[in-house]
């Protein structure tokens, strides 16, 4: 169903392609012309960037991928994965900044399955958590003509009243189905006075994608003011911000009470509870270690609970840059 030639030679006309070796660009073009309608995943010798290999520059791999795309190759396979993990000469970072800026789905195999799933239904969007997180809910699709249902759901959003799901710049997240038909999405990046329109599609086991169900226009409630809470604490900006890998989160309590300080991902998943105890009035702080997390925007939320009073909360974003 797919071809993965080990095209482990360098591009032509470069100093590190020695001894009249075959040329990566010419072989990529030949393989693309002889794929016979199947997926073509070009093998790249990413291990050669390491000093234990042929000591290629990181730009060699980026150039190979751009060349493969230009001749119609479906994708690339890196050998070895360990070379991306160890990141010699920042090759992984270079790929993320250039050729892997946008997400992509697994290519379909229409010769095996060309039937798209039915779209989800009844998409609704509500805003909560101090206008920081949008909550999306929808109903699962009915089985398609071939019996397939949703294996995944893809979430998209746009600041206009329509969402172009063919433009991966609108893609936000991919979540598994059928266990979930709800998700919380951080509304960060929304300009003041604007609001998001969301779309959700279903993908089956063959990665065929359904038509989108759209939220019906930008969520007008996004900019409604939140209720003014009694001042009982001050949640301050974390420092440093951006950070890598640790940052300090300070806050001041005007009165004591039960305090919970939590960290969330941009999709609303709780990642850590930094404090869950009774604290007295005064200044406090906690340290968050993101060593095991990727670059991205995260949120920390402070909740103060006192006997006889409703819980008070505040939320702030922070940026991890690795």
Protein backbone atom coordinates (compact mmCIF):
# COMPACT_ATOMS: atom_id res chain seq x y z
CA UNK A 1 0.00 0.00 0.00
CA UNK A 2 2.96 2.36 0.31
CA UNK A 3 6.54 2.56 -0.89
CA UNK A 4 9.40 3.72 1.33
CA UNK A 5 12.68 3.73 -0.61
CA UNK A 6 15.78 4.23 1.51
CA UNK A 7 17.08 7.24 -0.39
CA UNK A 8 20.01 7.79 1.95
CA UNK A 9 22.24 9.80 -0.38
CA UNK A 10 22.68 13.55 -0.32
CA UNK A 11 21.37 16.07 -2.82
CA UNK A 12 23.37 16.52 -6.00
CA UNK A 13 26.02 19.21 -6.33
CA UNK A 14 26.89 19.43 -2.65
CA UNK A 15 30.33 18.97 -1.16
CA UNK A 16 29.29 16.17 1.21
CA UNK A 17 27.92 13.99 -1.62
CA UNK A 18 31.22 12.30 -2.32
CA UNK A 19 32.56 9.48 -4.49
CA UNK A 20 30.00 10.04 -7.27
CA UNK A 21 27.20 8.67 -5.08
CA UNK A 22 23.62 8.61 -6.39
CA UNK A 23 21.84 11.94 -5.94
CA UNK A 24 18.86 12.25 -3.63
CA UNK A 25 16.94 14.71 -5.80
CA UNK A 26 17.21 12.65 -8.97
CA UNK A 27 16.20 9.44 -7.19
CA UNK A 28 13.24 11.17 -5.50
CA UNK A 29 11.95 12.32 -8.89
CA UNK A 30 12.33 8.80 -10.34
CA UNK A 31 10.48 7.18 -7.44
CA UNK A 32 7.66 9.73 -7.66
CA UNK A 33 7.18 8.84 -11.33
CA UNK A 34 7.04 5.14 -10.50
CA UNK A 35 4.69 5.07 -7.51
CA UNK A 36 1.84 3.59 -9.61
CA UNK A 37 -0.80 5.41 -7.58
CA UNK A 38 0.42 4.23 -4.20
CA UNK A 39 1.74 6.32 -1.33
CA UNK A 40 5.39 7.31 -1.72
CA UNK A 41 7.20 7.97 1.58
CA UNK A 42 10.79 8.96 0.89
CA UNK A 43 13.42 7.69 3.33
CA UNK A 44 15.81 10.36 4.64
CA UNK A 45 19.19 9.61 6.25
CA UNK A 46 18.69 11.99 9.18
CA UNK A 47 21.34 10.04 11.11
CA UNK A 48 23.97 11.45 8.72
CA UNK A 49 23.57 14.88 10.37
CA UNK A 50 25.26 13.48 13.46
CA UNK A 51 29.04 13.55 13.75
CA UNK A 52 28.86 9.77 14.01
CA UNK A 53 27.49 9.76 10.44
CA UNK A 54 28.75 11.79 7.49
CA UNK A 55 28.33 15.07 9.42
CA UNK A 56 25.80 16.61 7.03
CA UNK A 57 24.41 20.07 7.83
CA UNK A 58 20.85 20.15 9.15
CA UNK A 59 19.81 22.10 6.04
CA UNK A 60 20.41 18.96 3.92
CA UNK A 61 17.38 17.18 5.39
CA UNK A 62 15.15 20.23 5.01
CA UNK A 63 16.19 20.60 1.37
CA UNK A 64 15.52 16.91 0.70
CA UNK A 65 11.98 17.18 2.09
CA UNK A 66 11.20 20.31 0.06
CA UNK A 67 12.52 18.57 -3.06
CA UNK A 68 10.43 15.45 -2.43
CA UNK A 69 7.29 17.54 -2.02
CA UNK A 70 8.00 19.44 -5.23
CA UNK A 71 7.96 16.20 -7.27
CA UNK A 72 4.80 14.80 -5.66
CA UNK A 73 6.11 12.52 -2.90
CA UNK A 74 3.40 11.87 -0.26
CA UNK A 75 5.66 12.16 2.79
CA UNK A 76 8.97 11.28 4.40
CA UNK A 77 10.40 8.73 6.82
CA UNK A 78 13.36 9.66 9.01
CA UNK A 79 16.01 7.14 9.87
CA UNK A 80 16.61 7.05 12.74
CA UNK A 81 14.04 8.36 15.20
CA UNK A 82 16.85 8.66 17.71
CA UNK A 83 18.47 11.28 15.49
CA UNK A 84 15.40 13.50 15.86
CA UNK A 85 15.26 12.89 19.60
CA UNK A 86 18.94 13.75 20.15
CA UNK A 87 18.52 16.77 17.82
CA UNK A 88 22.10 17.06 16.45
CA UNK A 89 22.83 20.49 14.98
CA UNK A 90 19.23 21.39 15.95
CA UNK A 91 17.93 19.38 12.97
CA UNK A 92 14.58 18.70 14.66
CA UNK A 93 14.14 22.39 15.50
CA UNK A 94 15.01 23.33 11.94
CA UNK A 95 12.37 20.96 10.57
CA UNK A 96 9.71 22.31 12.94
CA UNK A 97 10.48 25.90 11.92
CA UNK A 98 10.39 25.21 8.20
CA UNK A 99 8.75 22.14 6.65
CA UNK A 100 6.72 20.92 9.65
CA UNK A 101 5.03 24.15 10.72
CA UNK A 102 1.53 22.84 9.97
CA UNK A 103 -0.08 19.62 11.12
CA UNK A 104 -0.95 16.88 8.60
CA UNK A 105 -3.09 13.76 8.66
CA UNK A 106 -2.05 10.30 7.53
CA UNK A 107 -2.57 10.11 3.73
CA UNK A 108 -5.65 8.16 2.66
CA UNK A 109 -5.57 4.95 0.62
CA UNK A 110 -8.50 5.39 -1.78
CA UNK A 111 -7.79 2.05 -3.47
CA UNK A 112 -8.72 0.43 -0.14
CA UNK A 113 -11.35 2.81 1.29
CA UNK A 114 -12.78 5.88 -0.42
CA UNK A 115 -15.99 6.27 1.60
CA UNK A 116 -15.93 9.31 3.89
CA UNK A 117 -17.67 9.10 7.27
CA UNK A 118 -20.81 11.08 8.01
CA UNK A 119 -20.26 14.42 9.75
CA UNK A 120 -20.87 14.96 13.46
CA UNK A 121 -24.02 16.83 14.46
CA UNK A 122 -25.40 19.46 16.81
CA UNK A 123 -22.18 21.39 17.46
CA UNK A 124 -22.53 23.91 20.28
CA UNK A 125 -19.92 26.25 21.75
CA UNK A 126 -19.99 27.79 25.23
CA UNK A 127 -17.43 29.97 26.93
CA UNK A 128 -16.28 29.64 30.50
CA UNK A 129 -13.29 29.77 32.82
CA UNK A 130 -13.06 33.58 32.71
CA UNK A 131 -13.35 33.59 28.92
CA UNK A 132 -10.14 31.56 28.62
CA UNK A 133 -11.56 28.19 27.53
CA UNK A 134 -14.24 27.48 24.91
CA UNK A 135 -16.18 24.23 25.43
CA UNK A 136 -17.33 22.38 22.29
CA UNK A 137 -19.96 19.63 22.34
CA UNK A 138 -21.37 17.60 19.46
CA UNK A 139 -23.16 14.34 18.72
CA UNK A 140 -21.47 11.35 17.02
CA UNK A 141 -22.15 10.66 13.34
CA UNK A 142 -24.32 7.83 12.07
CA UNK A 143 -22.42 4.93 10.42
CA UNK A 144 -21.41 5.57 6.79
CA UNK A 145 -22.39 3.37 3.85
CA UNK A 146 -19.45 1.04 4.57
CA UNK A 147 -20.32 0.84 8.27
CA UNK A 148 -17.43 3.00 9.43
CA UNK A 149 -17.97 5.55 12.19
CA UNK A 150 -15.68 8.20 13.62
CA UNK A 151 -12.25 7.03 14.77
CA UNK A 152 -11.08 10.61 15.43
CA UNK A 153 -12.52 14.11 15.51
CA UNK A 154 -10.64 17.08 14.05
CA UNK A 155 -11.25 20.57 15.46
CA UNK A 156 -10.81 23.72 13.38
CA UNK A 157 -11.54 27.38 14.01
CA UNK A 158 -11.50 30.75 12.26
CA UNK A 159 -12.15 34.39 13.09
CA UNK A 160 -14.54 34.63 10.11
CA UNK A 161 -18.05 33.21 9.87
CA UNK A 162 -16.76 30.27 7.79
CA UNK A 163 -13.99 27.74 8.45
CA UNK A 164 -11.86 26.37 5.59
CA UNK A 165 -10.96 22.89 6.86
CA UNK A 166 -8.69 22.33 3.84
CA UNK A 167 -6.38 25.03 5.25
CA UNK A 168 -4.41 23.38 8.06
CA UNK A 169 -3.70 26.80 9.54
CA UNK A 170 -7.24 26.57 10.94
CA UNK A 171 -6.56 23.16 12.54
CA UNK A 172 -6.56 23.12 16.35
CA UNK A 173 -6.67 19.56 17.65
CA UNK A 174 -7.27 15.88 16.89
CA UNK A 175 -9.02 13.81 19.58
CA UNK A 176 -10.02 10.13 19.72
CA UNK A 177 -13.56 8.87 19.24
CA UNK A 178 -16.04 7.54 20.16
CA UNK A 179 -15.31 8.09 23.84
CA UNK A 180 -15.28 11.88 23.52
CA UNK A 181 -17.74 14.30 21.97
CA UNK A 182 -16.61 17.30 24.00
CA UNK A 183 -13.41 19.31 24.31
CA UNK A 184 -12.17 22.52 25.88
CA UNK A 185 -10.07 24.77 23.65
CA UNK A 186 -8.02 27.74 24.83
CA UNK A 187 -9.28 30.98 23.28
CA UNK A 188 -5.80 32.51 23.32
CA UNK A 189 -4.91 34.34 20.11
CA UNK A 190 -8.39 35.82 19.77
CA UNK A 191 -8.08 39.60 19.19
CA UNK A 192 -10.06 41.86 21.48
CA UNK A 193 -13.61 42.27 20.22
CA UNK A 194 -13.39 39.20 17.97
CA UNK A 195 -14.63 35.65 18.42
CA UNK A 196 -14.10 32.19 16.98
CA UNK A 197 -16.19 30.09 14.60
CA UNK A 198 -15.53 26.39 15.17
CA UNK A 199 -15.86 23.36 12.89
CA UNK A 200 -15.61 19.64 13.71
CA UNK A 201 -15.05 16.79 11.25
CA UNK A 202 -15.00 13.01 11.70
CA UNK A 203 -12.18 10.79 10.42
CA UNK A 204 -12.54 7.03 9.97
CA UNK A 205 -9.92 4.27 10.31
CA UNK A 206 -8.71 4.98 6.76
CA UNK A 207 -8.26 8.69 7.56
CA UNK A 208 -11.09 9.68 5.22
CA UNK A 209 -12.53 12.96 6.48
CA UNK A 210 -16.18 13.97 6.64
CA UNK A 211 -17.71 17.28 5.75
CA UNK A 212 -17.54 19.73 8.68
CA UNK A 213 -20.26 20.68 11.11
CA UNK A 214 -19.88 24.39 11.91
CA UNK A 215 -20.81 26.21 15.09
CA UNK A 216 -23.13 28.58 13.21
CA UNK A 217 -21.00 31.71 13.28
CA UNK A 218 -18.61 33.34 15.74
CA UNK A 219 -19.45 32.71 19.38
CA UNK A 220 -21.04 35.97 20.40
CA UNK A 221 -20.78 35.26 24.13
CA UNK A 222 -16.97 35.29 24.11
CA UNK A 223 -16.70 38.98 24.96
CA UNK A 224 -19.40 39.19 27.57
CA UNK A 225 -17.95 40.56 30.81
CA UNK A 226 -17.47 38.12 33.64
CA UNK A 227 -18.99 38.77 37.02
CA UNK A 228 -16.82 40.91 39.27
CA UNK A 229 -15.43 38.77 42.06
CA UNK A 230 -14.65 40.06 45.55
CA UNK A 231 -10.95 40.84 45.81
CA UNK A 232 -9.46 38.21 48.07
CA UNK A 233 -6.24 37.34 46.24
CA UNK A 234 -3.97 38.51 43.44
CA UNK A 235 -2.63 36.00 40.93
CA UNK A 236 0.52 37.51 39.46
CA UNK A 237 2.32 36.82 36.14
CA UNK A 238 4.72 33.91 36.24
CA UNK A 239 8.41 34.64 35.89
CA UNK A 240 10.26 34.12 33.72
CA UNK A 241 7.76 34.11 30.86
CA UNK A 242 8.50 32.72 28.29
CA UNK A 243 10.29 30.04 30.30
CA UNK A 244 12.29 26.81 29.89
CA UNK A 245 11.85 24.53 31.72
CA UNK A 246 10.87 26.04 35.11
CA UNK A 247 8.96 29.14 36.13
CA UNK A 248 7.71 30.64 39.39
CA UNK A 249 4.03 31.47 39.93
CA UNK A 250 3.49 34.08 42.69
CA UNK A 251 0.21 35.06 44.32
CA UNK A 252 -0.95 37.05 47.31
CA UNK A 253 -3.87 36.15 49.60
CA UNK A 254 -5.73 38.96 51.33
CA UNK A 255 -7.40 36.32 53.50
CA UNK A 256 -6.53 32.72 54.19
CA UNK A 257 -8.39 29.66 52.98
CA UNK A 258 -8.21 26.43 51.00
CA UNK A 259 -5.99 27.06 47.96
CA UNK A 260 -5.65 24.99 44.81
CA UNK A 261 -3.15 25.97 42.09
CA UNK A 262 -3.43 23.90 38.89
CA UNK A 263 -1.79 23.89 35.46
CA UNK A 264 -3.74 23.13 32.28
CA UNK A 265 -2.84 22.47 28.65
CA UNK A 266 -4.24 24.60 25.84
CA UNK A 267 -6.88 21.89 25.33
CA UNK A 268 -8.07 22.14 28.93
CA UNK A 269 -6.42 18.97 30.24
CA UNK A 270 -5.14 19.27 33.80
CA UNK A 271 -1.41 18.61 33.86
CA UNK A 272 -0.42 19.31 37.44
CA UNK A 273 -1.69 20.39 40.86
CA UNK A 274 1.03 22.56 42.38
CA UNK A 275 -0.79 23.48 45.60
CA UNK A 276 -3.79 21.90 47.33
CA UNK A 277 -3.72 22.98 50.96
CA UNK A 278 -4.83 25.60 53.47
CA UNK A 279 -2.73 28.76 53.36
CA UNK A 280 -2.77 31.92 55.42
CA UNK A 281 -2.90 35.51 54.22
CA UNK A 282 0.25 36.83 52.62
CA UNK A 283 2.47 36.25 49.60
CA UNK A 284 3.08 32.73 48.32
CA UNK A 285 4.66 31.14 45.26
CA UNK A 286 5.00 27.79 43.52
CA UNK A 287 7.44 26.43 40.95
CA UNK A 288 6.25 24.69 37.80
CA UNK A 289 8.64 22.30 36.03
CA UNK A 290 7.75 21.67 32.36
CA UNK A 291 10.76 19.49 31.54
CA UNK A 292 8.53 16.75 30.11
CA UNK A 293 6.24 19.05 28.12
CA UNK A 294 6.60 20.42 24.56
CA UNK A 295 6.76 24.06 23.53
CA UNK A 296 3.36 25.70 23.79
CA UNK A 297 0.94 27.86 25.75
CA UNK A 298 -0.23 26.62 29.14
CA UNK A 299 -2.55 28.03 31.79
CA UNK A 300 -2.37 28.20 35.56
CA UNK A 301 -5.52 28.61 37.65
CA UNK A 302 -5.79 29.60 41.28
CA UNK A 303 -8.90 28.74 43.30
CA UNK A 304 -9.53 30.08 46.81
CA UNK A 305 -12.30 28.51 48.92
CA UNK A 306 -13.45 29.84 52.30
CA UNK A 307 -16.23 28.49 54.56
CA UNK A 308 -19.58 30.02 53.70
CA UNK A 309 -18.34 31.62 50.46
CA UNK A 310 -18.34 30.62 46.81
CA UNK A 311 -14.94 29.64 45.37
CA UNK A 312 -12.97 32.48 43.75
CA UNK A 313 -10.79 31.73 40.71
CA UNK A 314 -8.37 33.46 38.39
CA UNK A 315 -6.45 32.13 35.38
CA UNK A 316 -3.35 33.30 33.51
CA UNK A 317 -1.47 32.03 30.45
CA UNK A 318 2.24 31.20 30.29
CA UNK A 319 4.49 30.32 27.36
CA UNK A 320 6.98 27.44 27.33
CA UNK A 321 9.68 27.82 24.64
CA UNK A 322 12.27 25.06 24.17
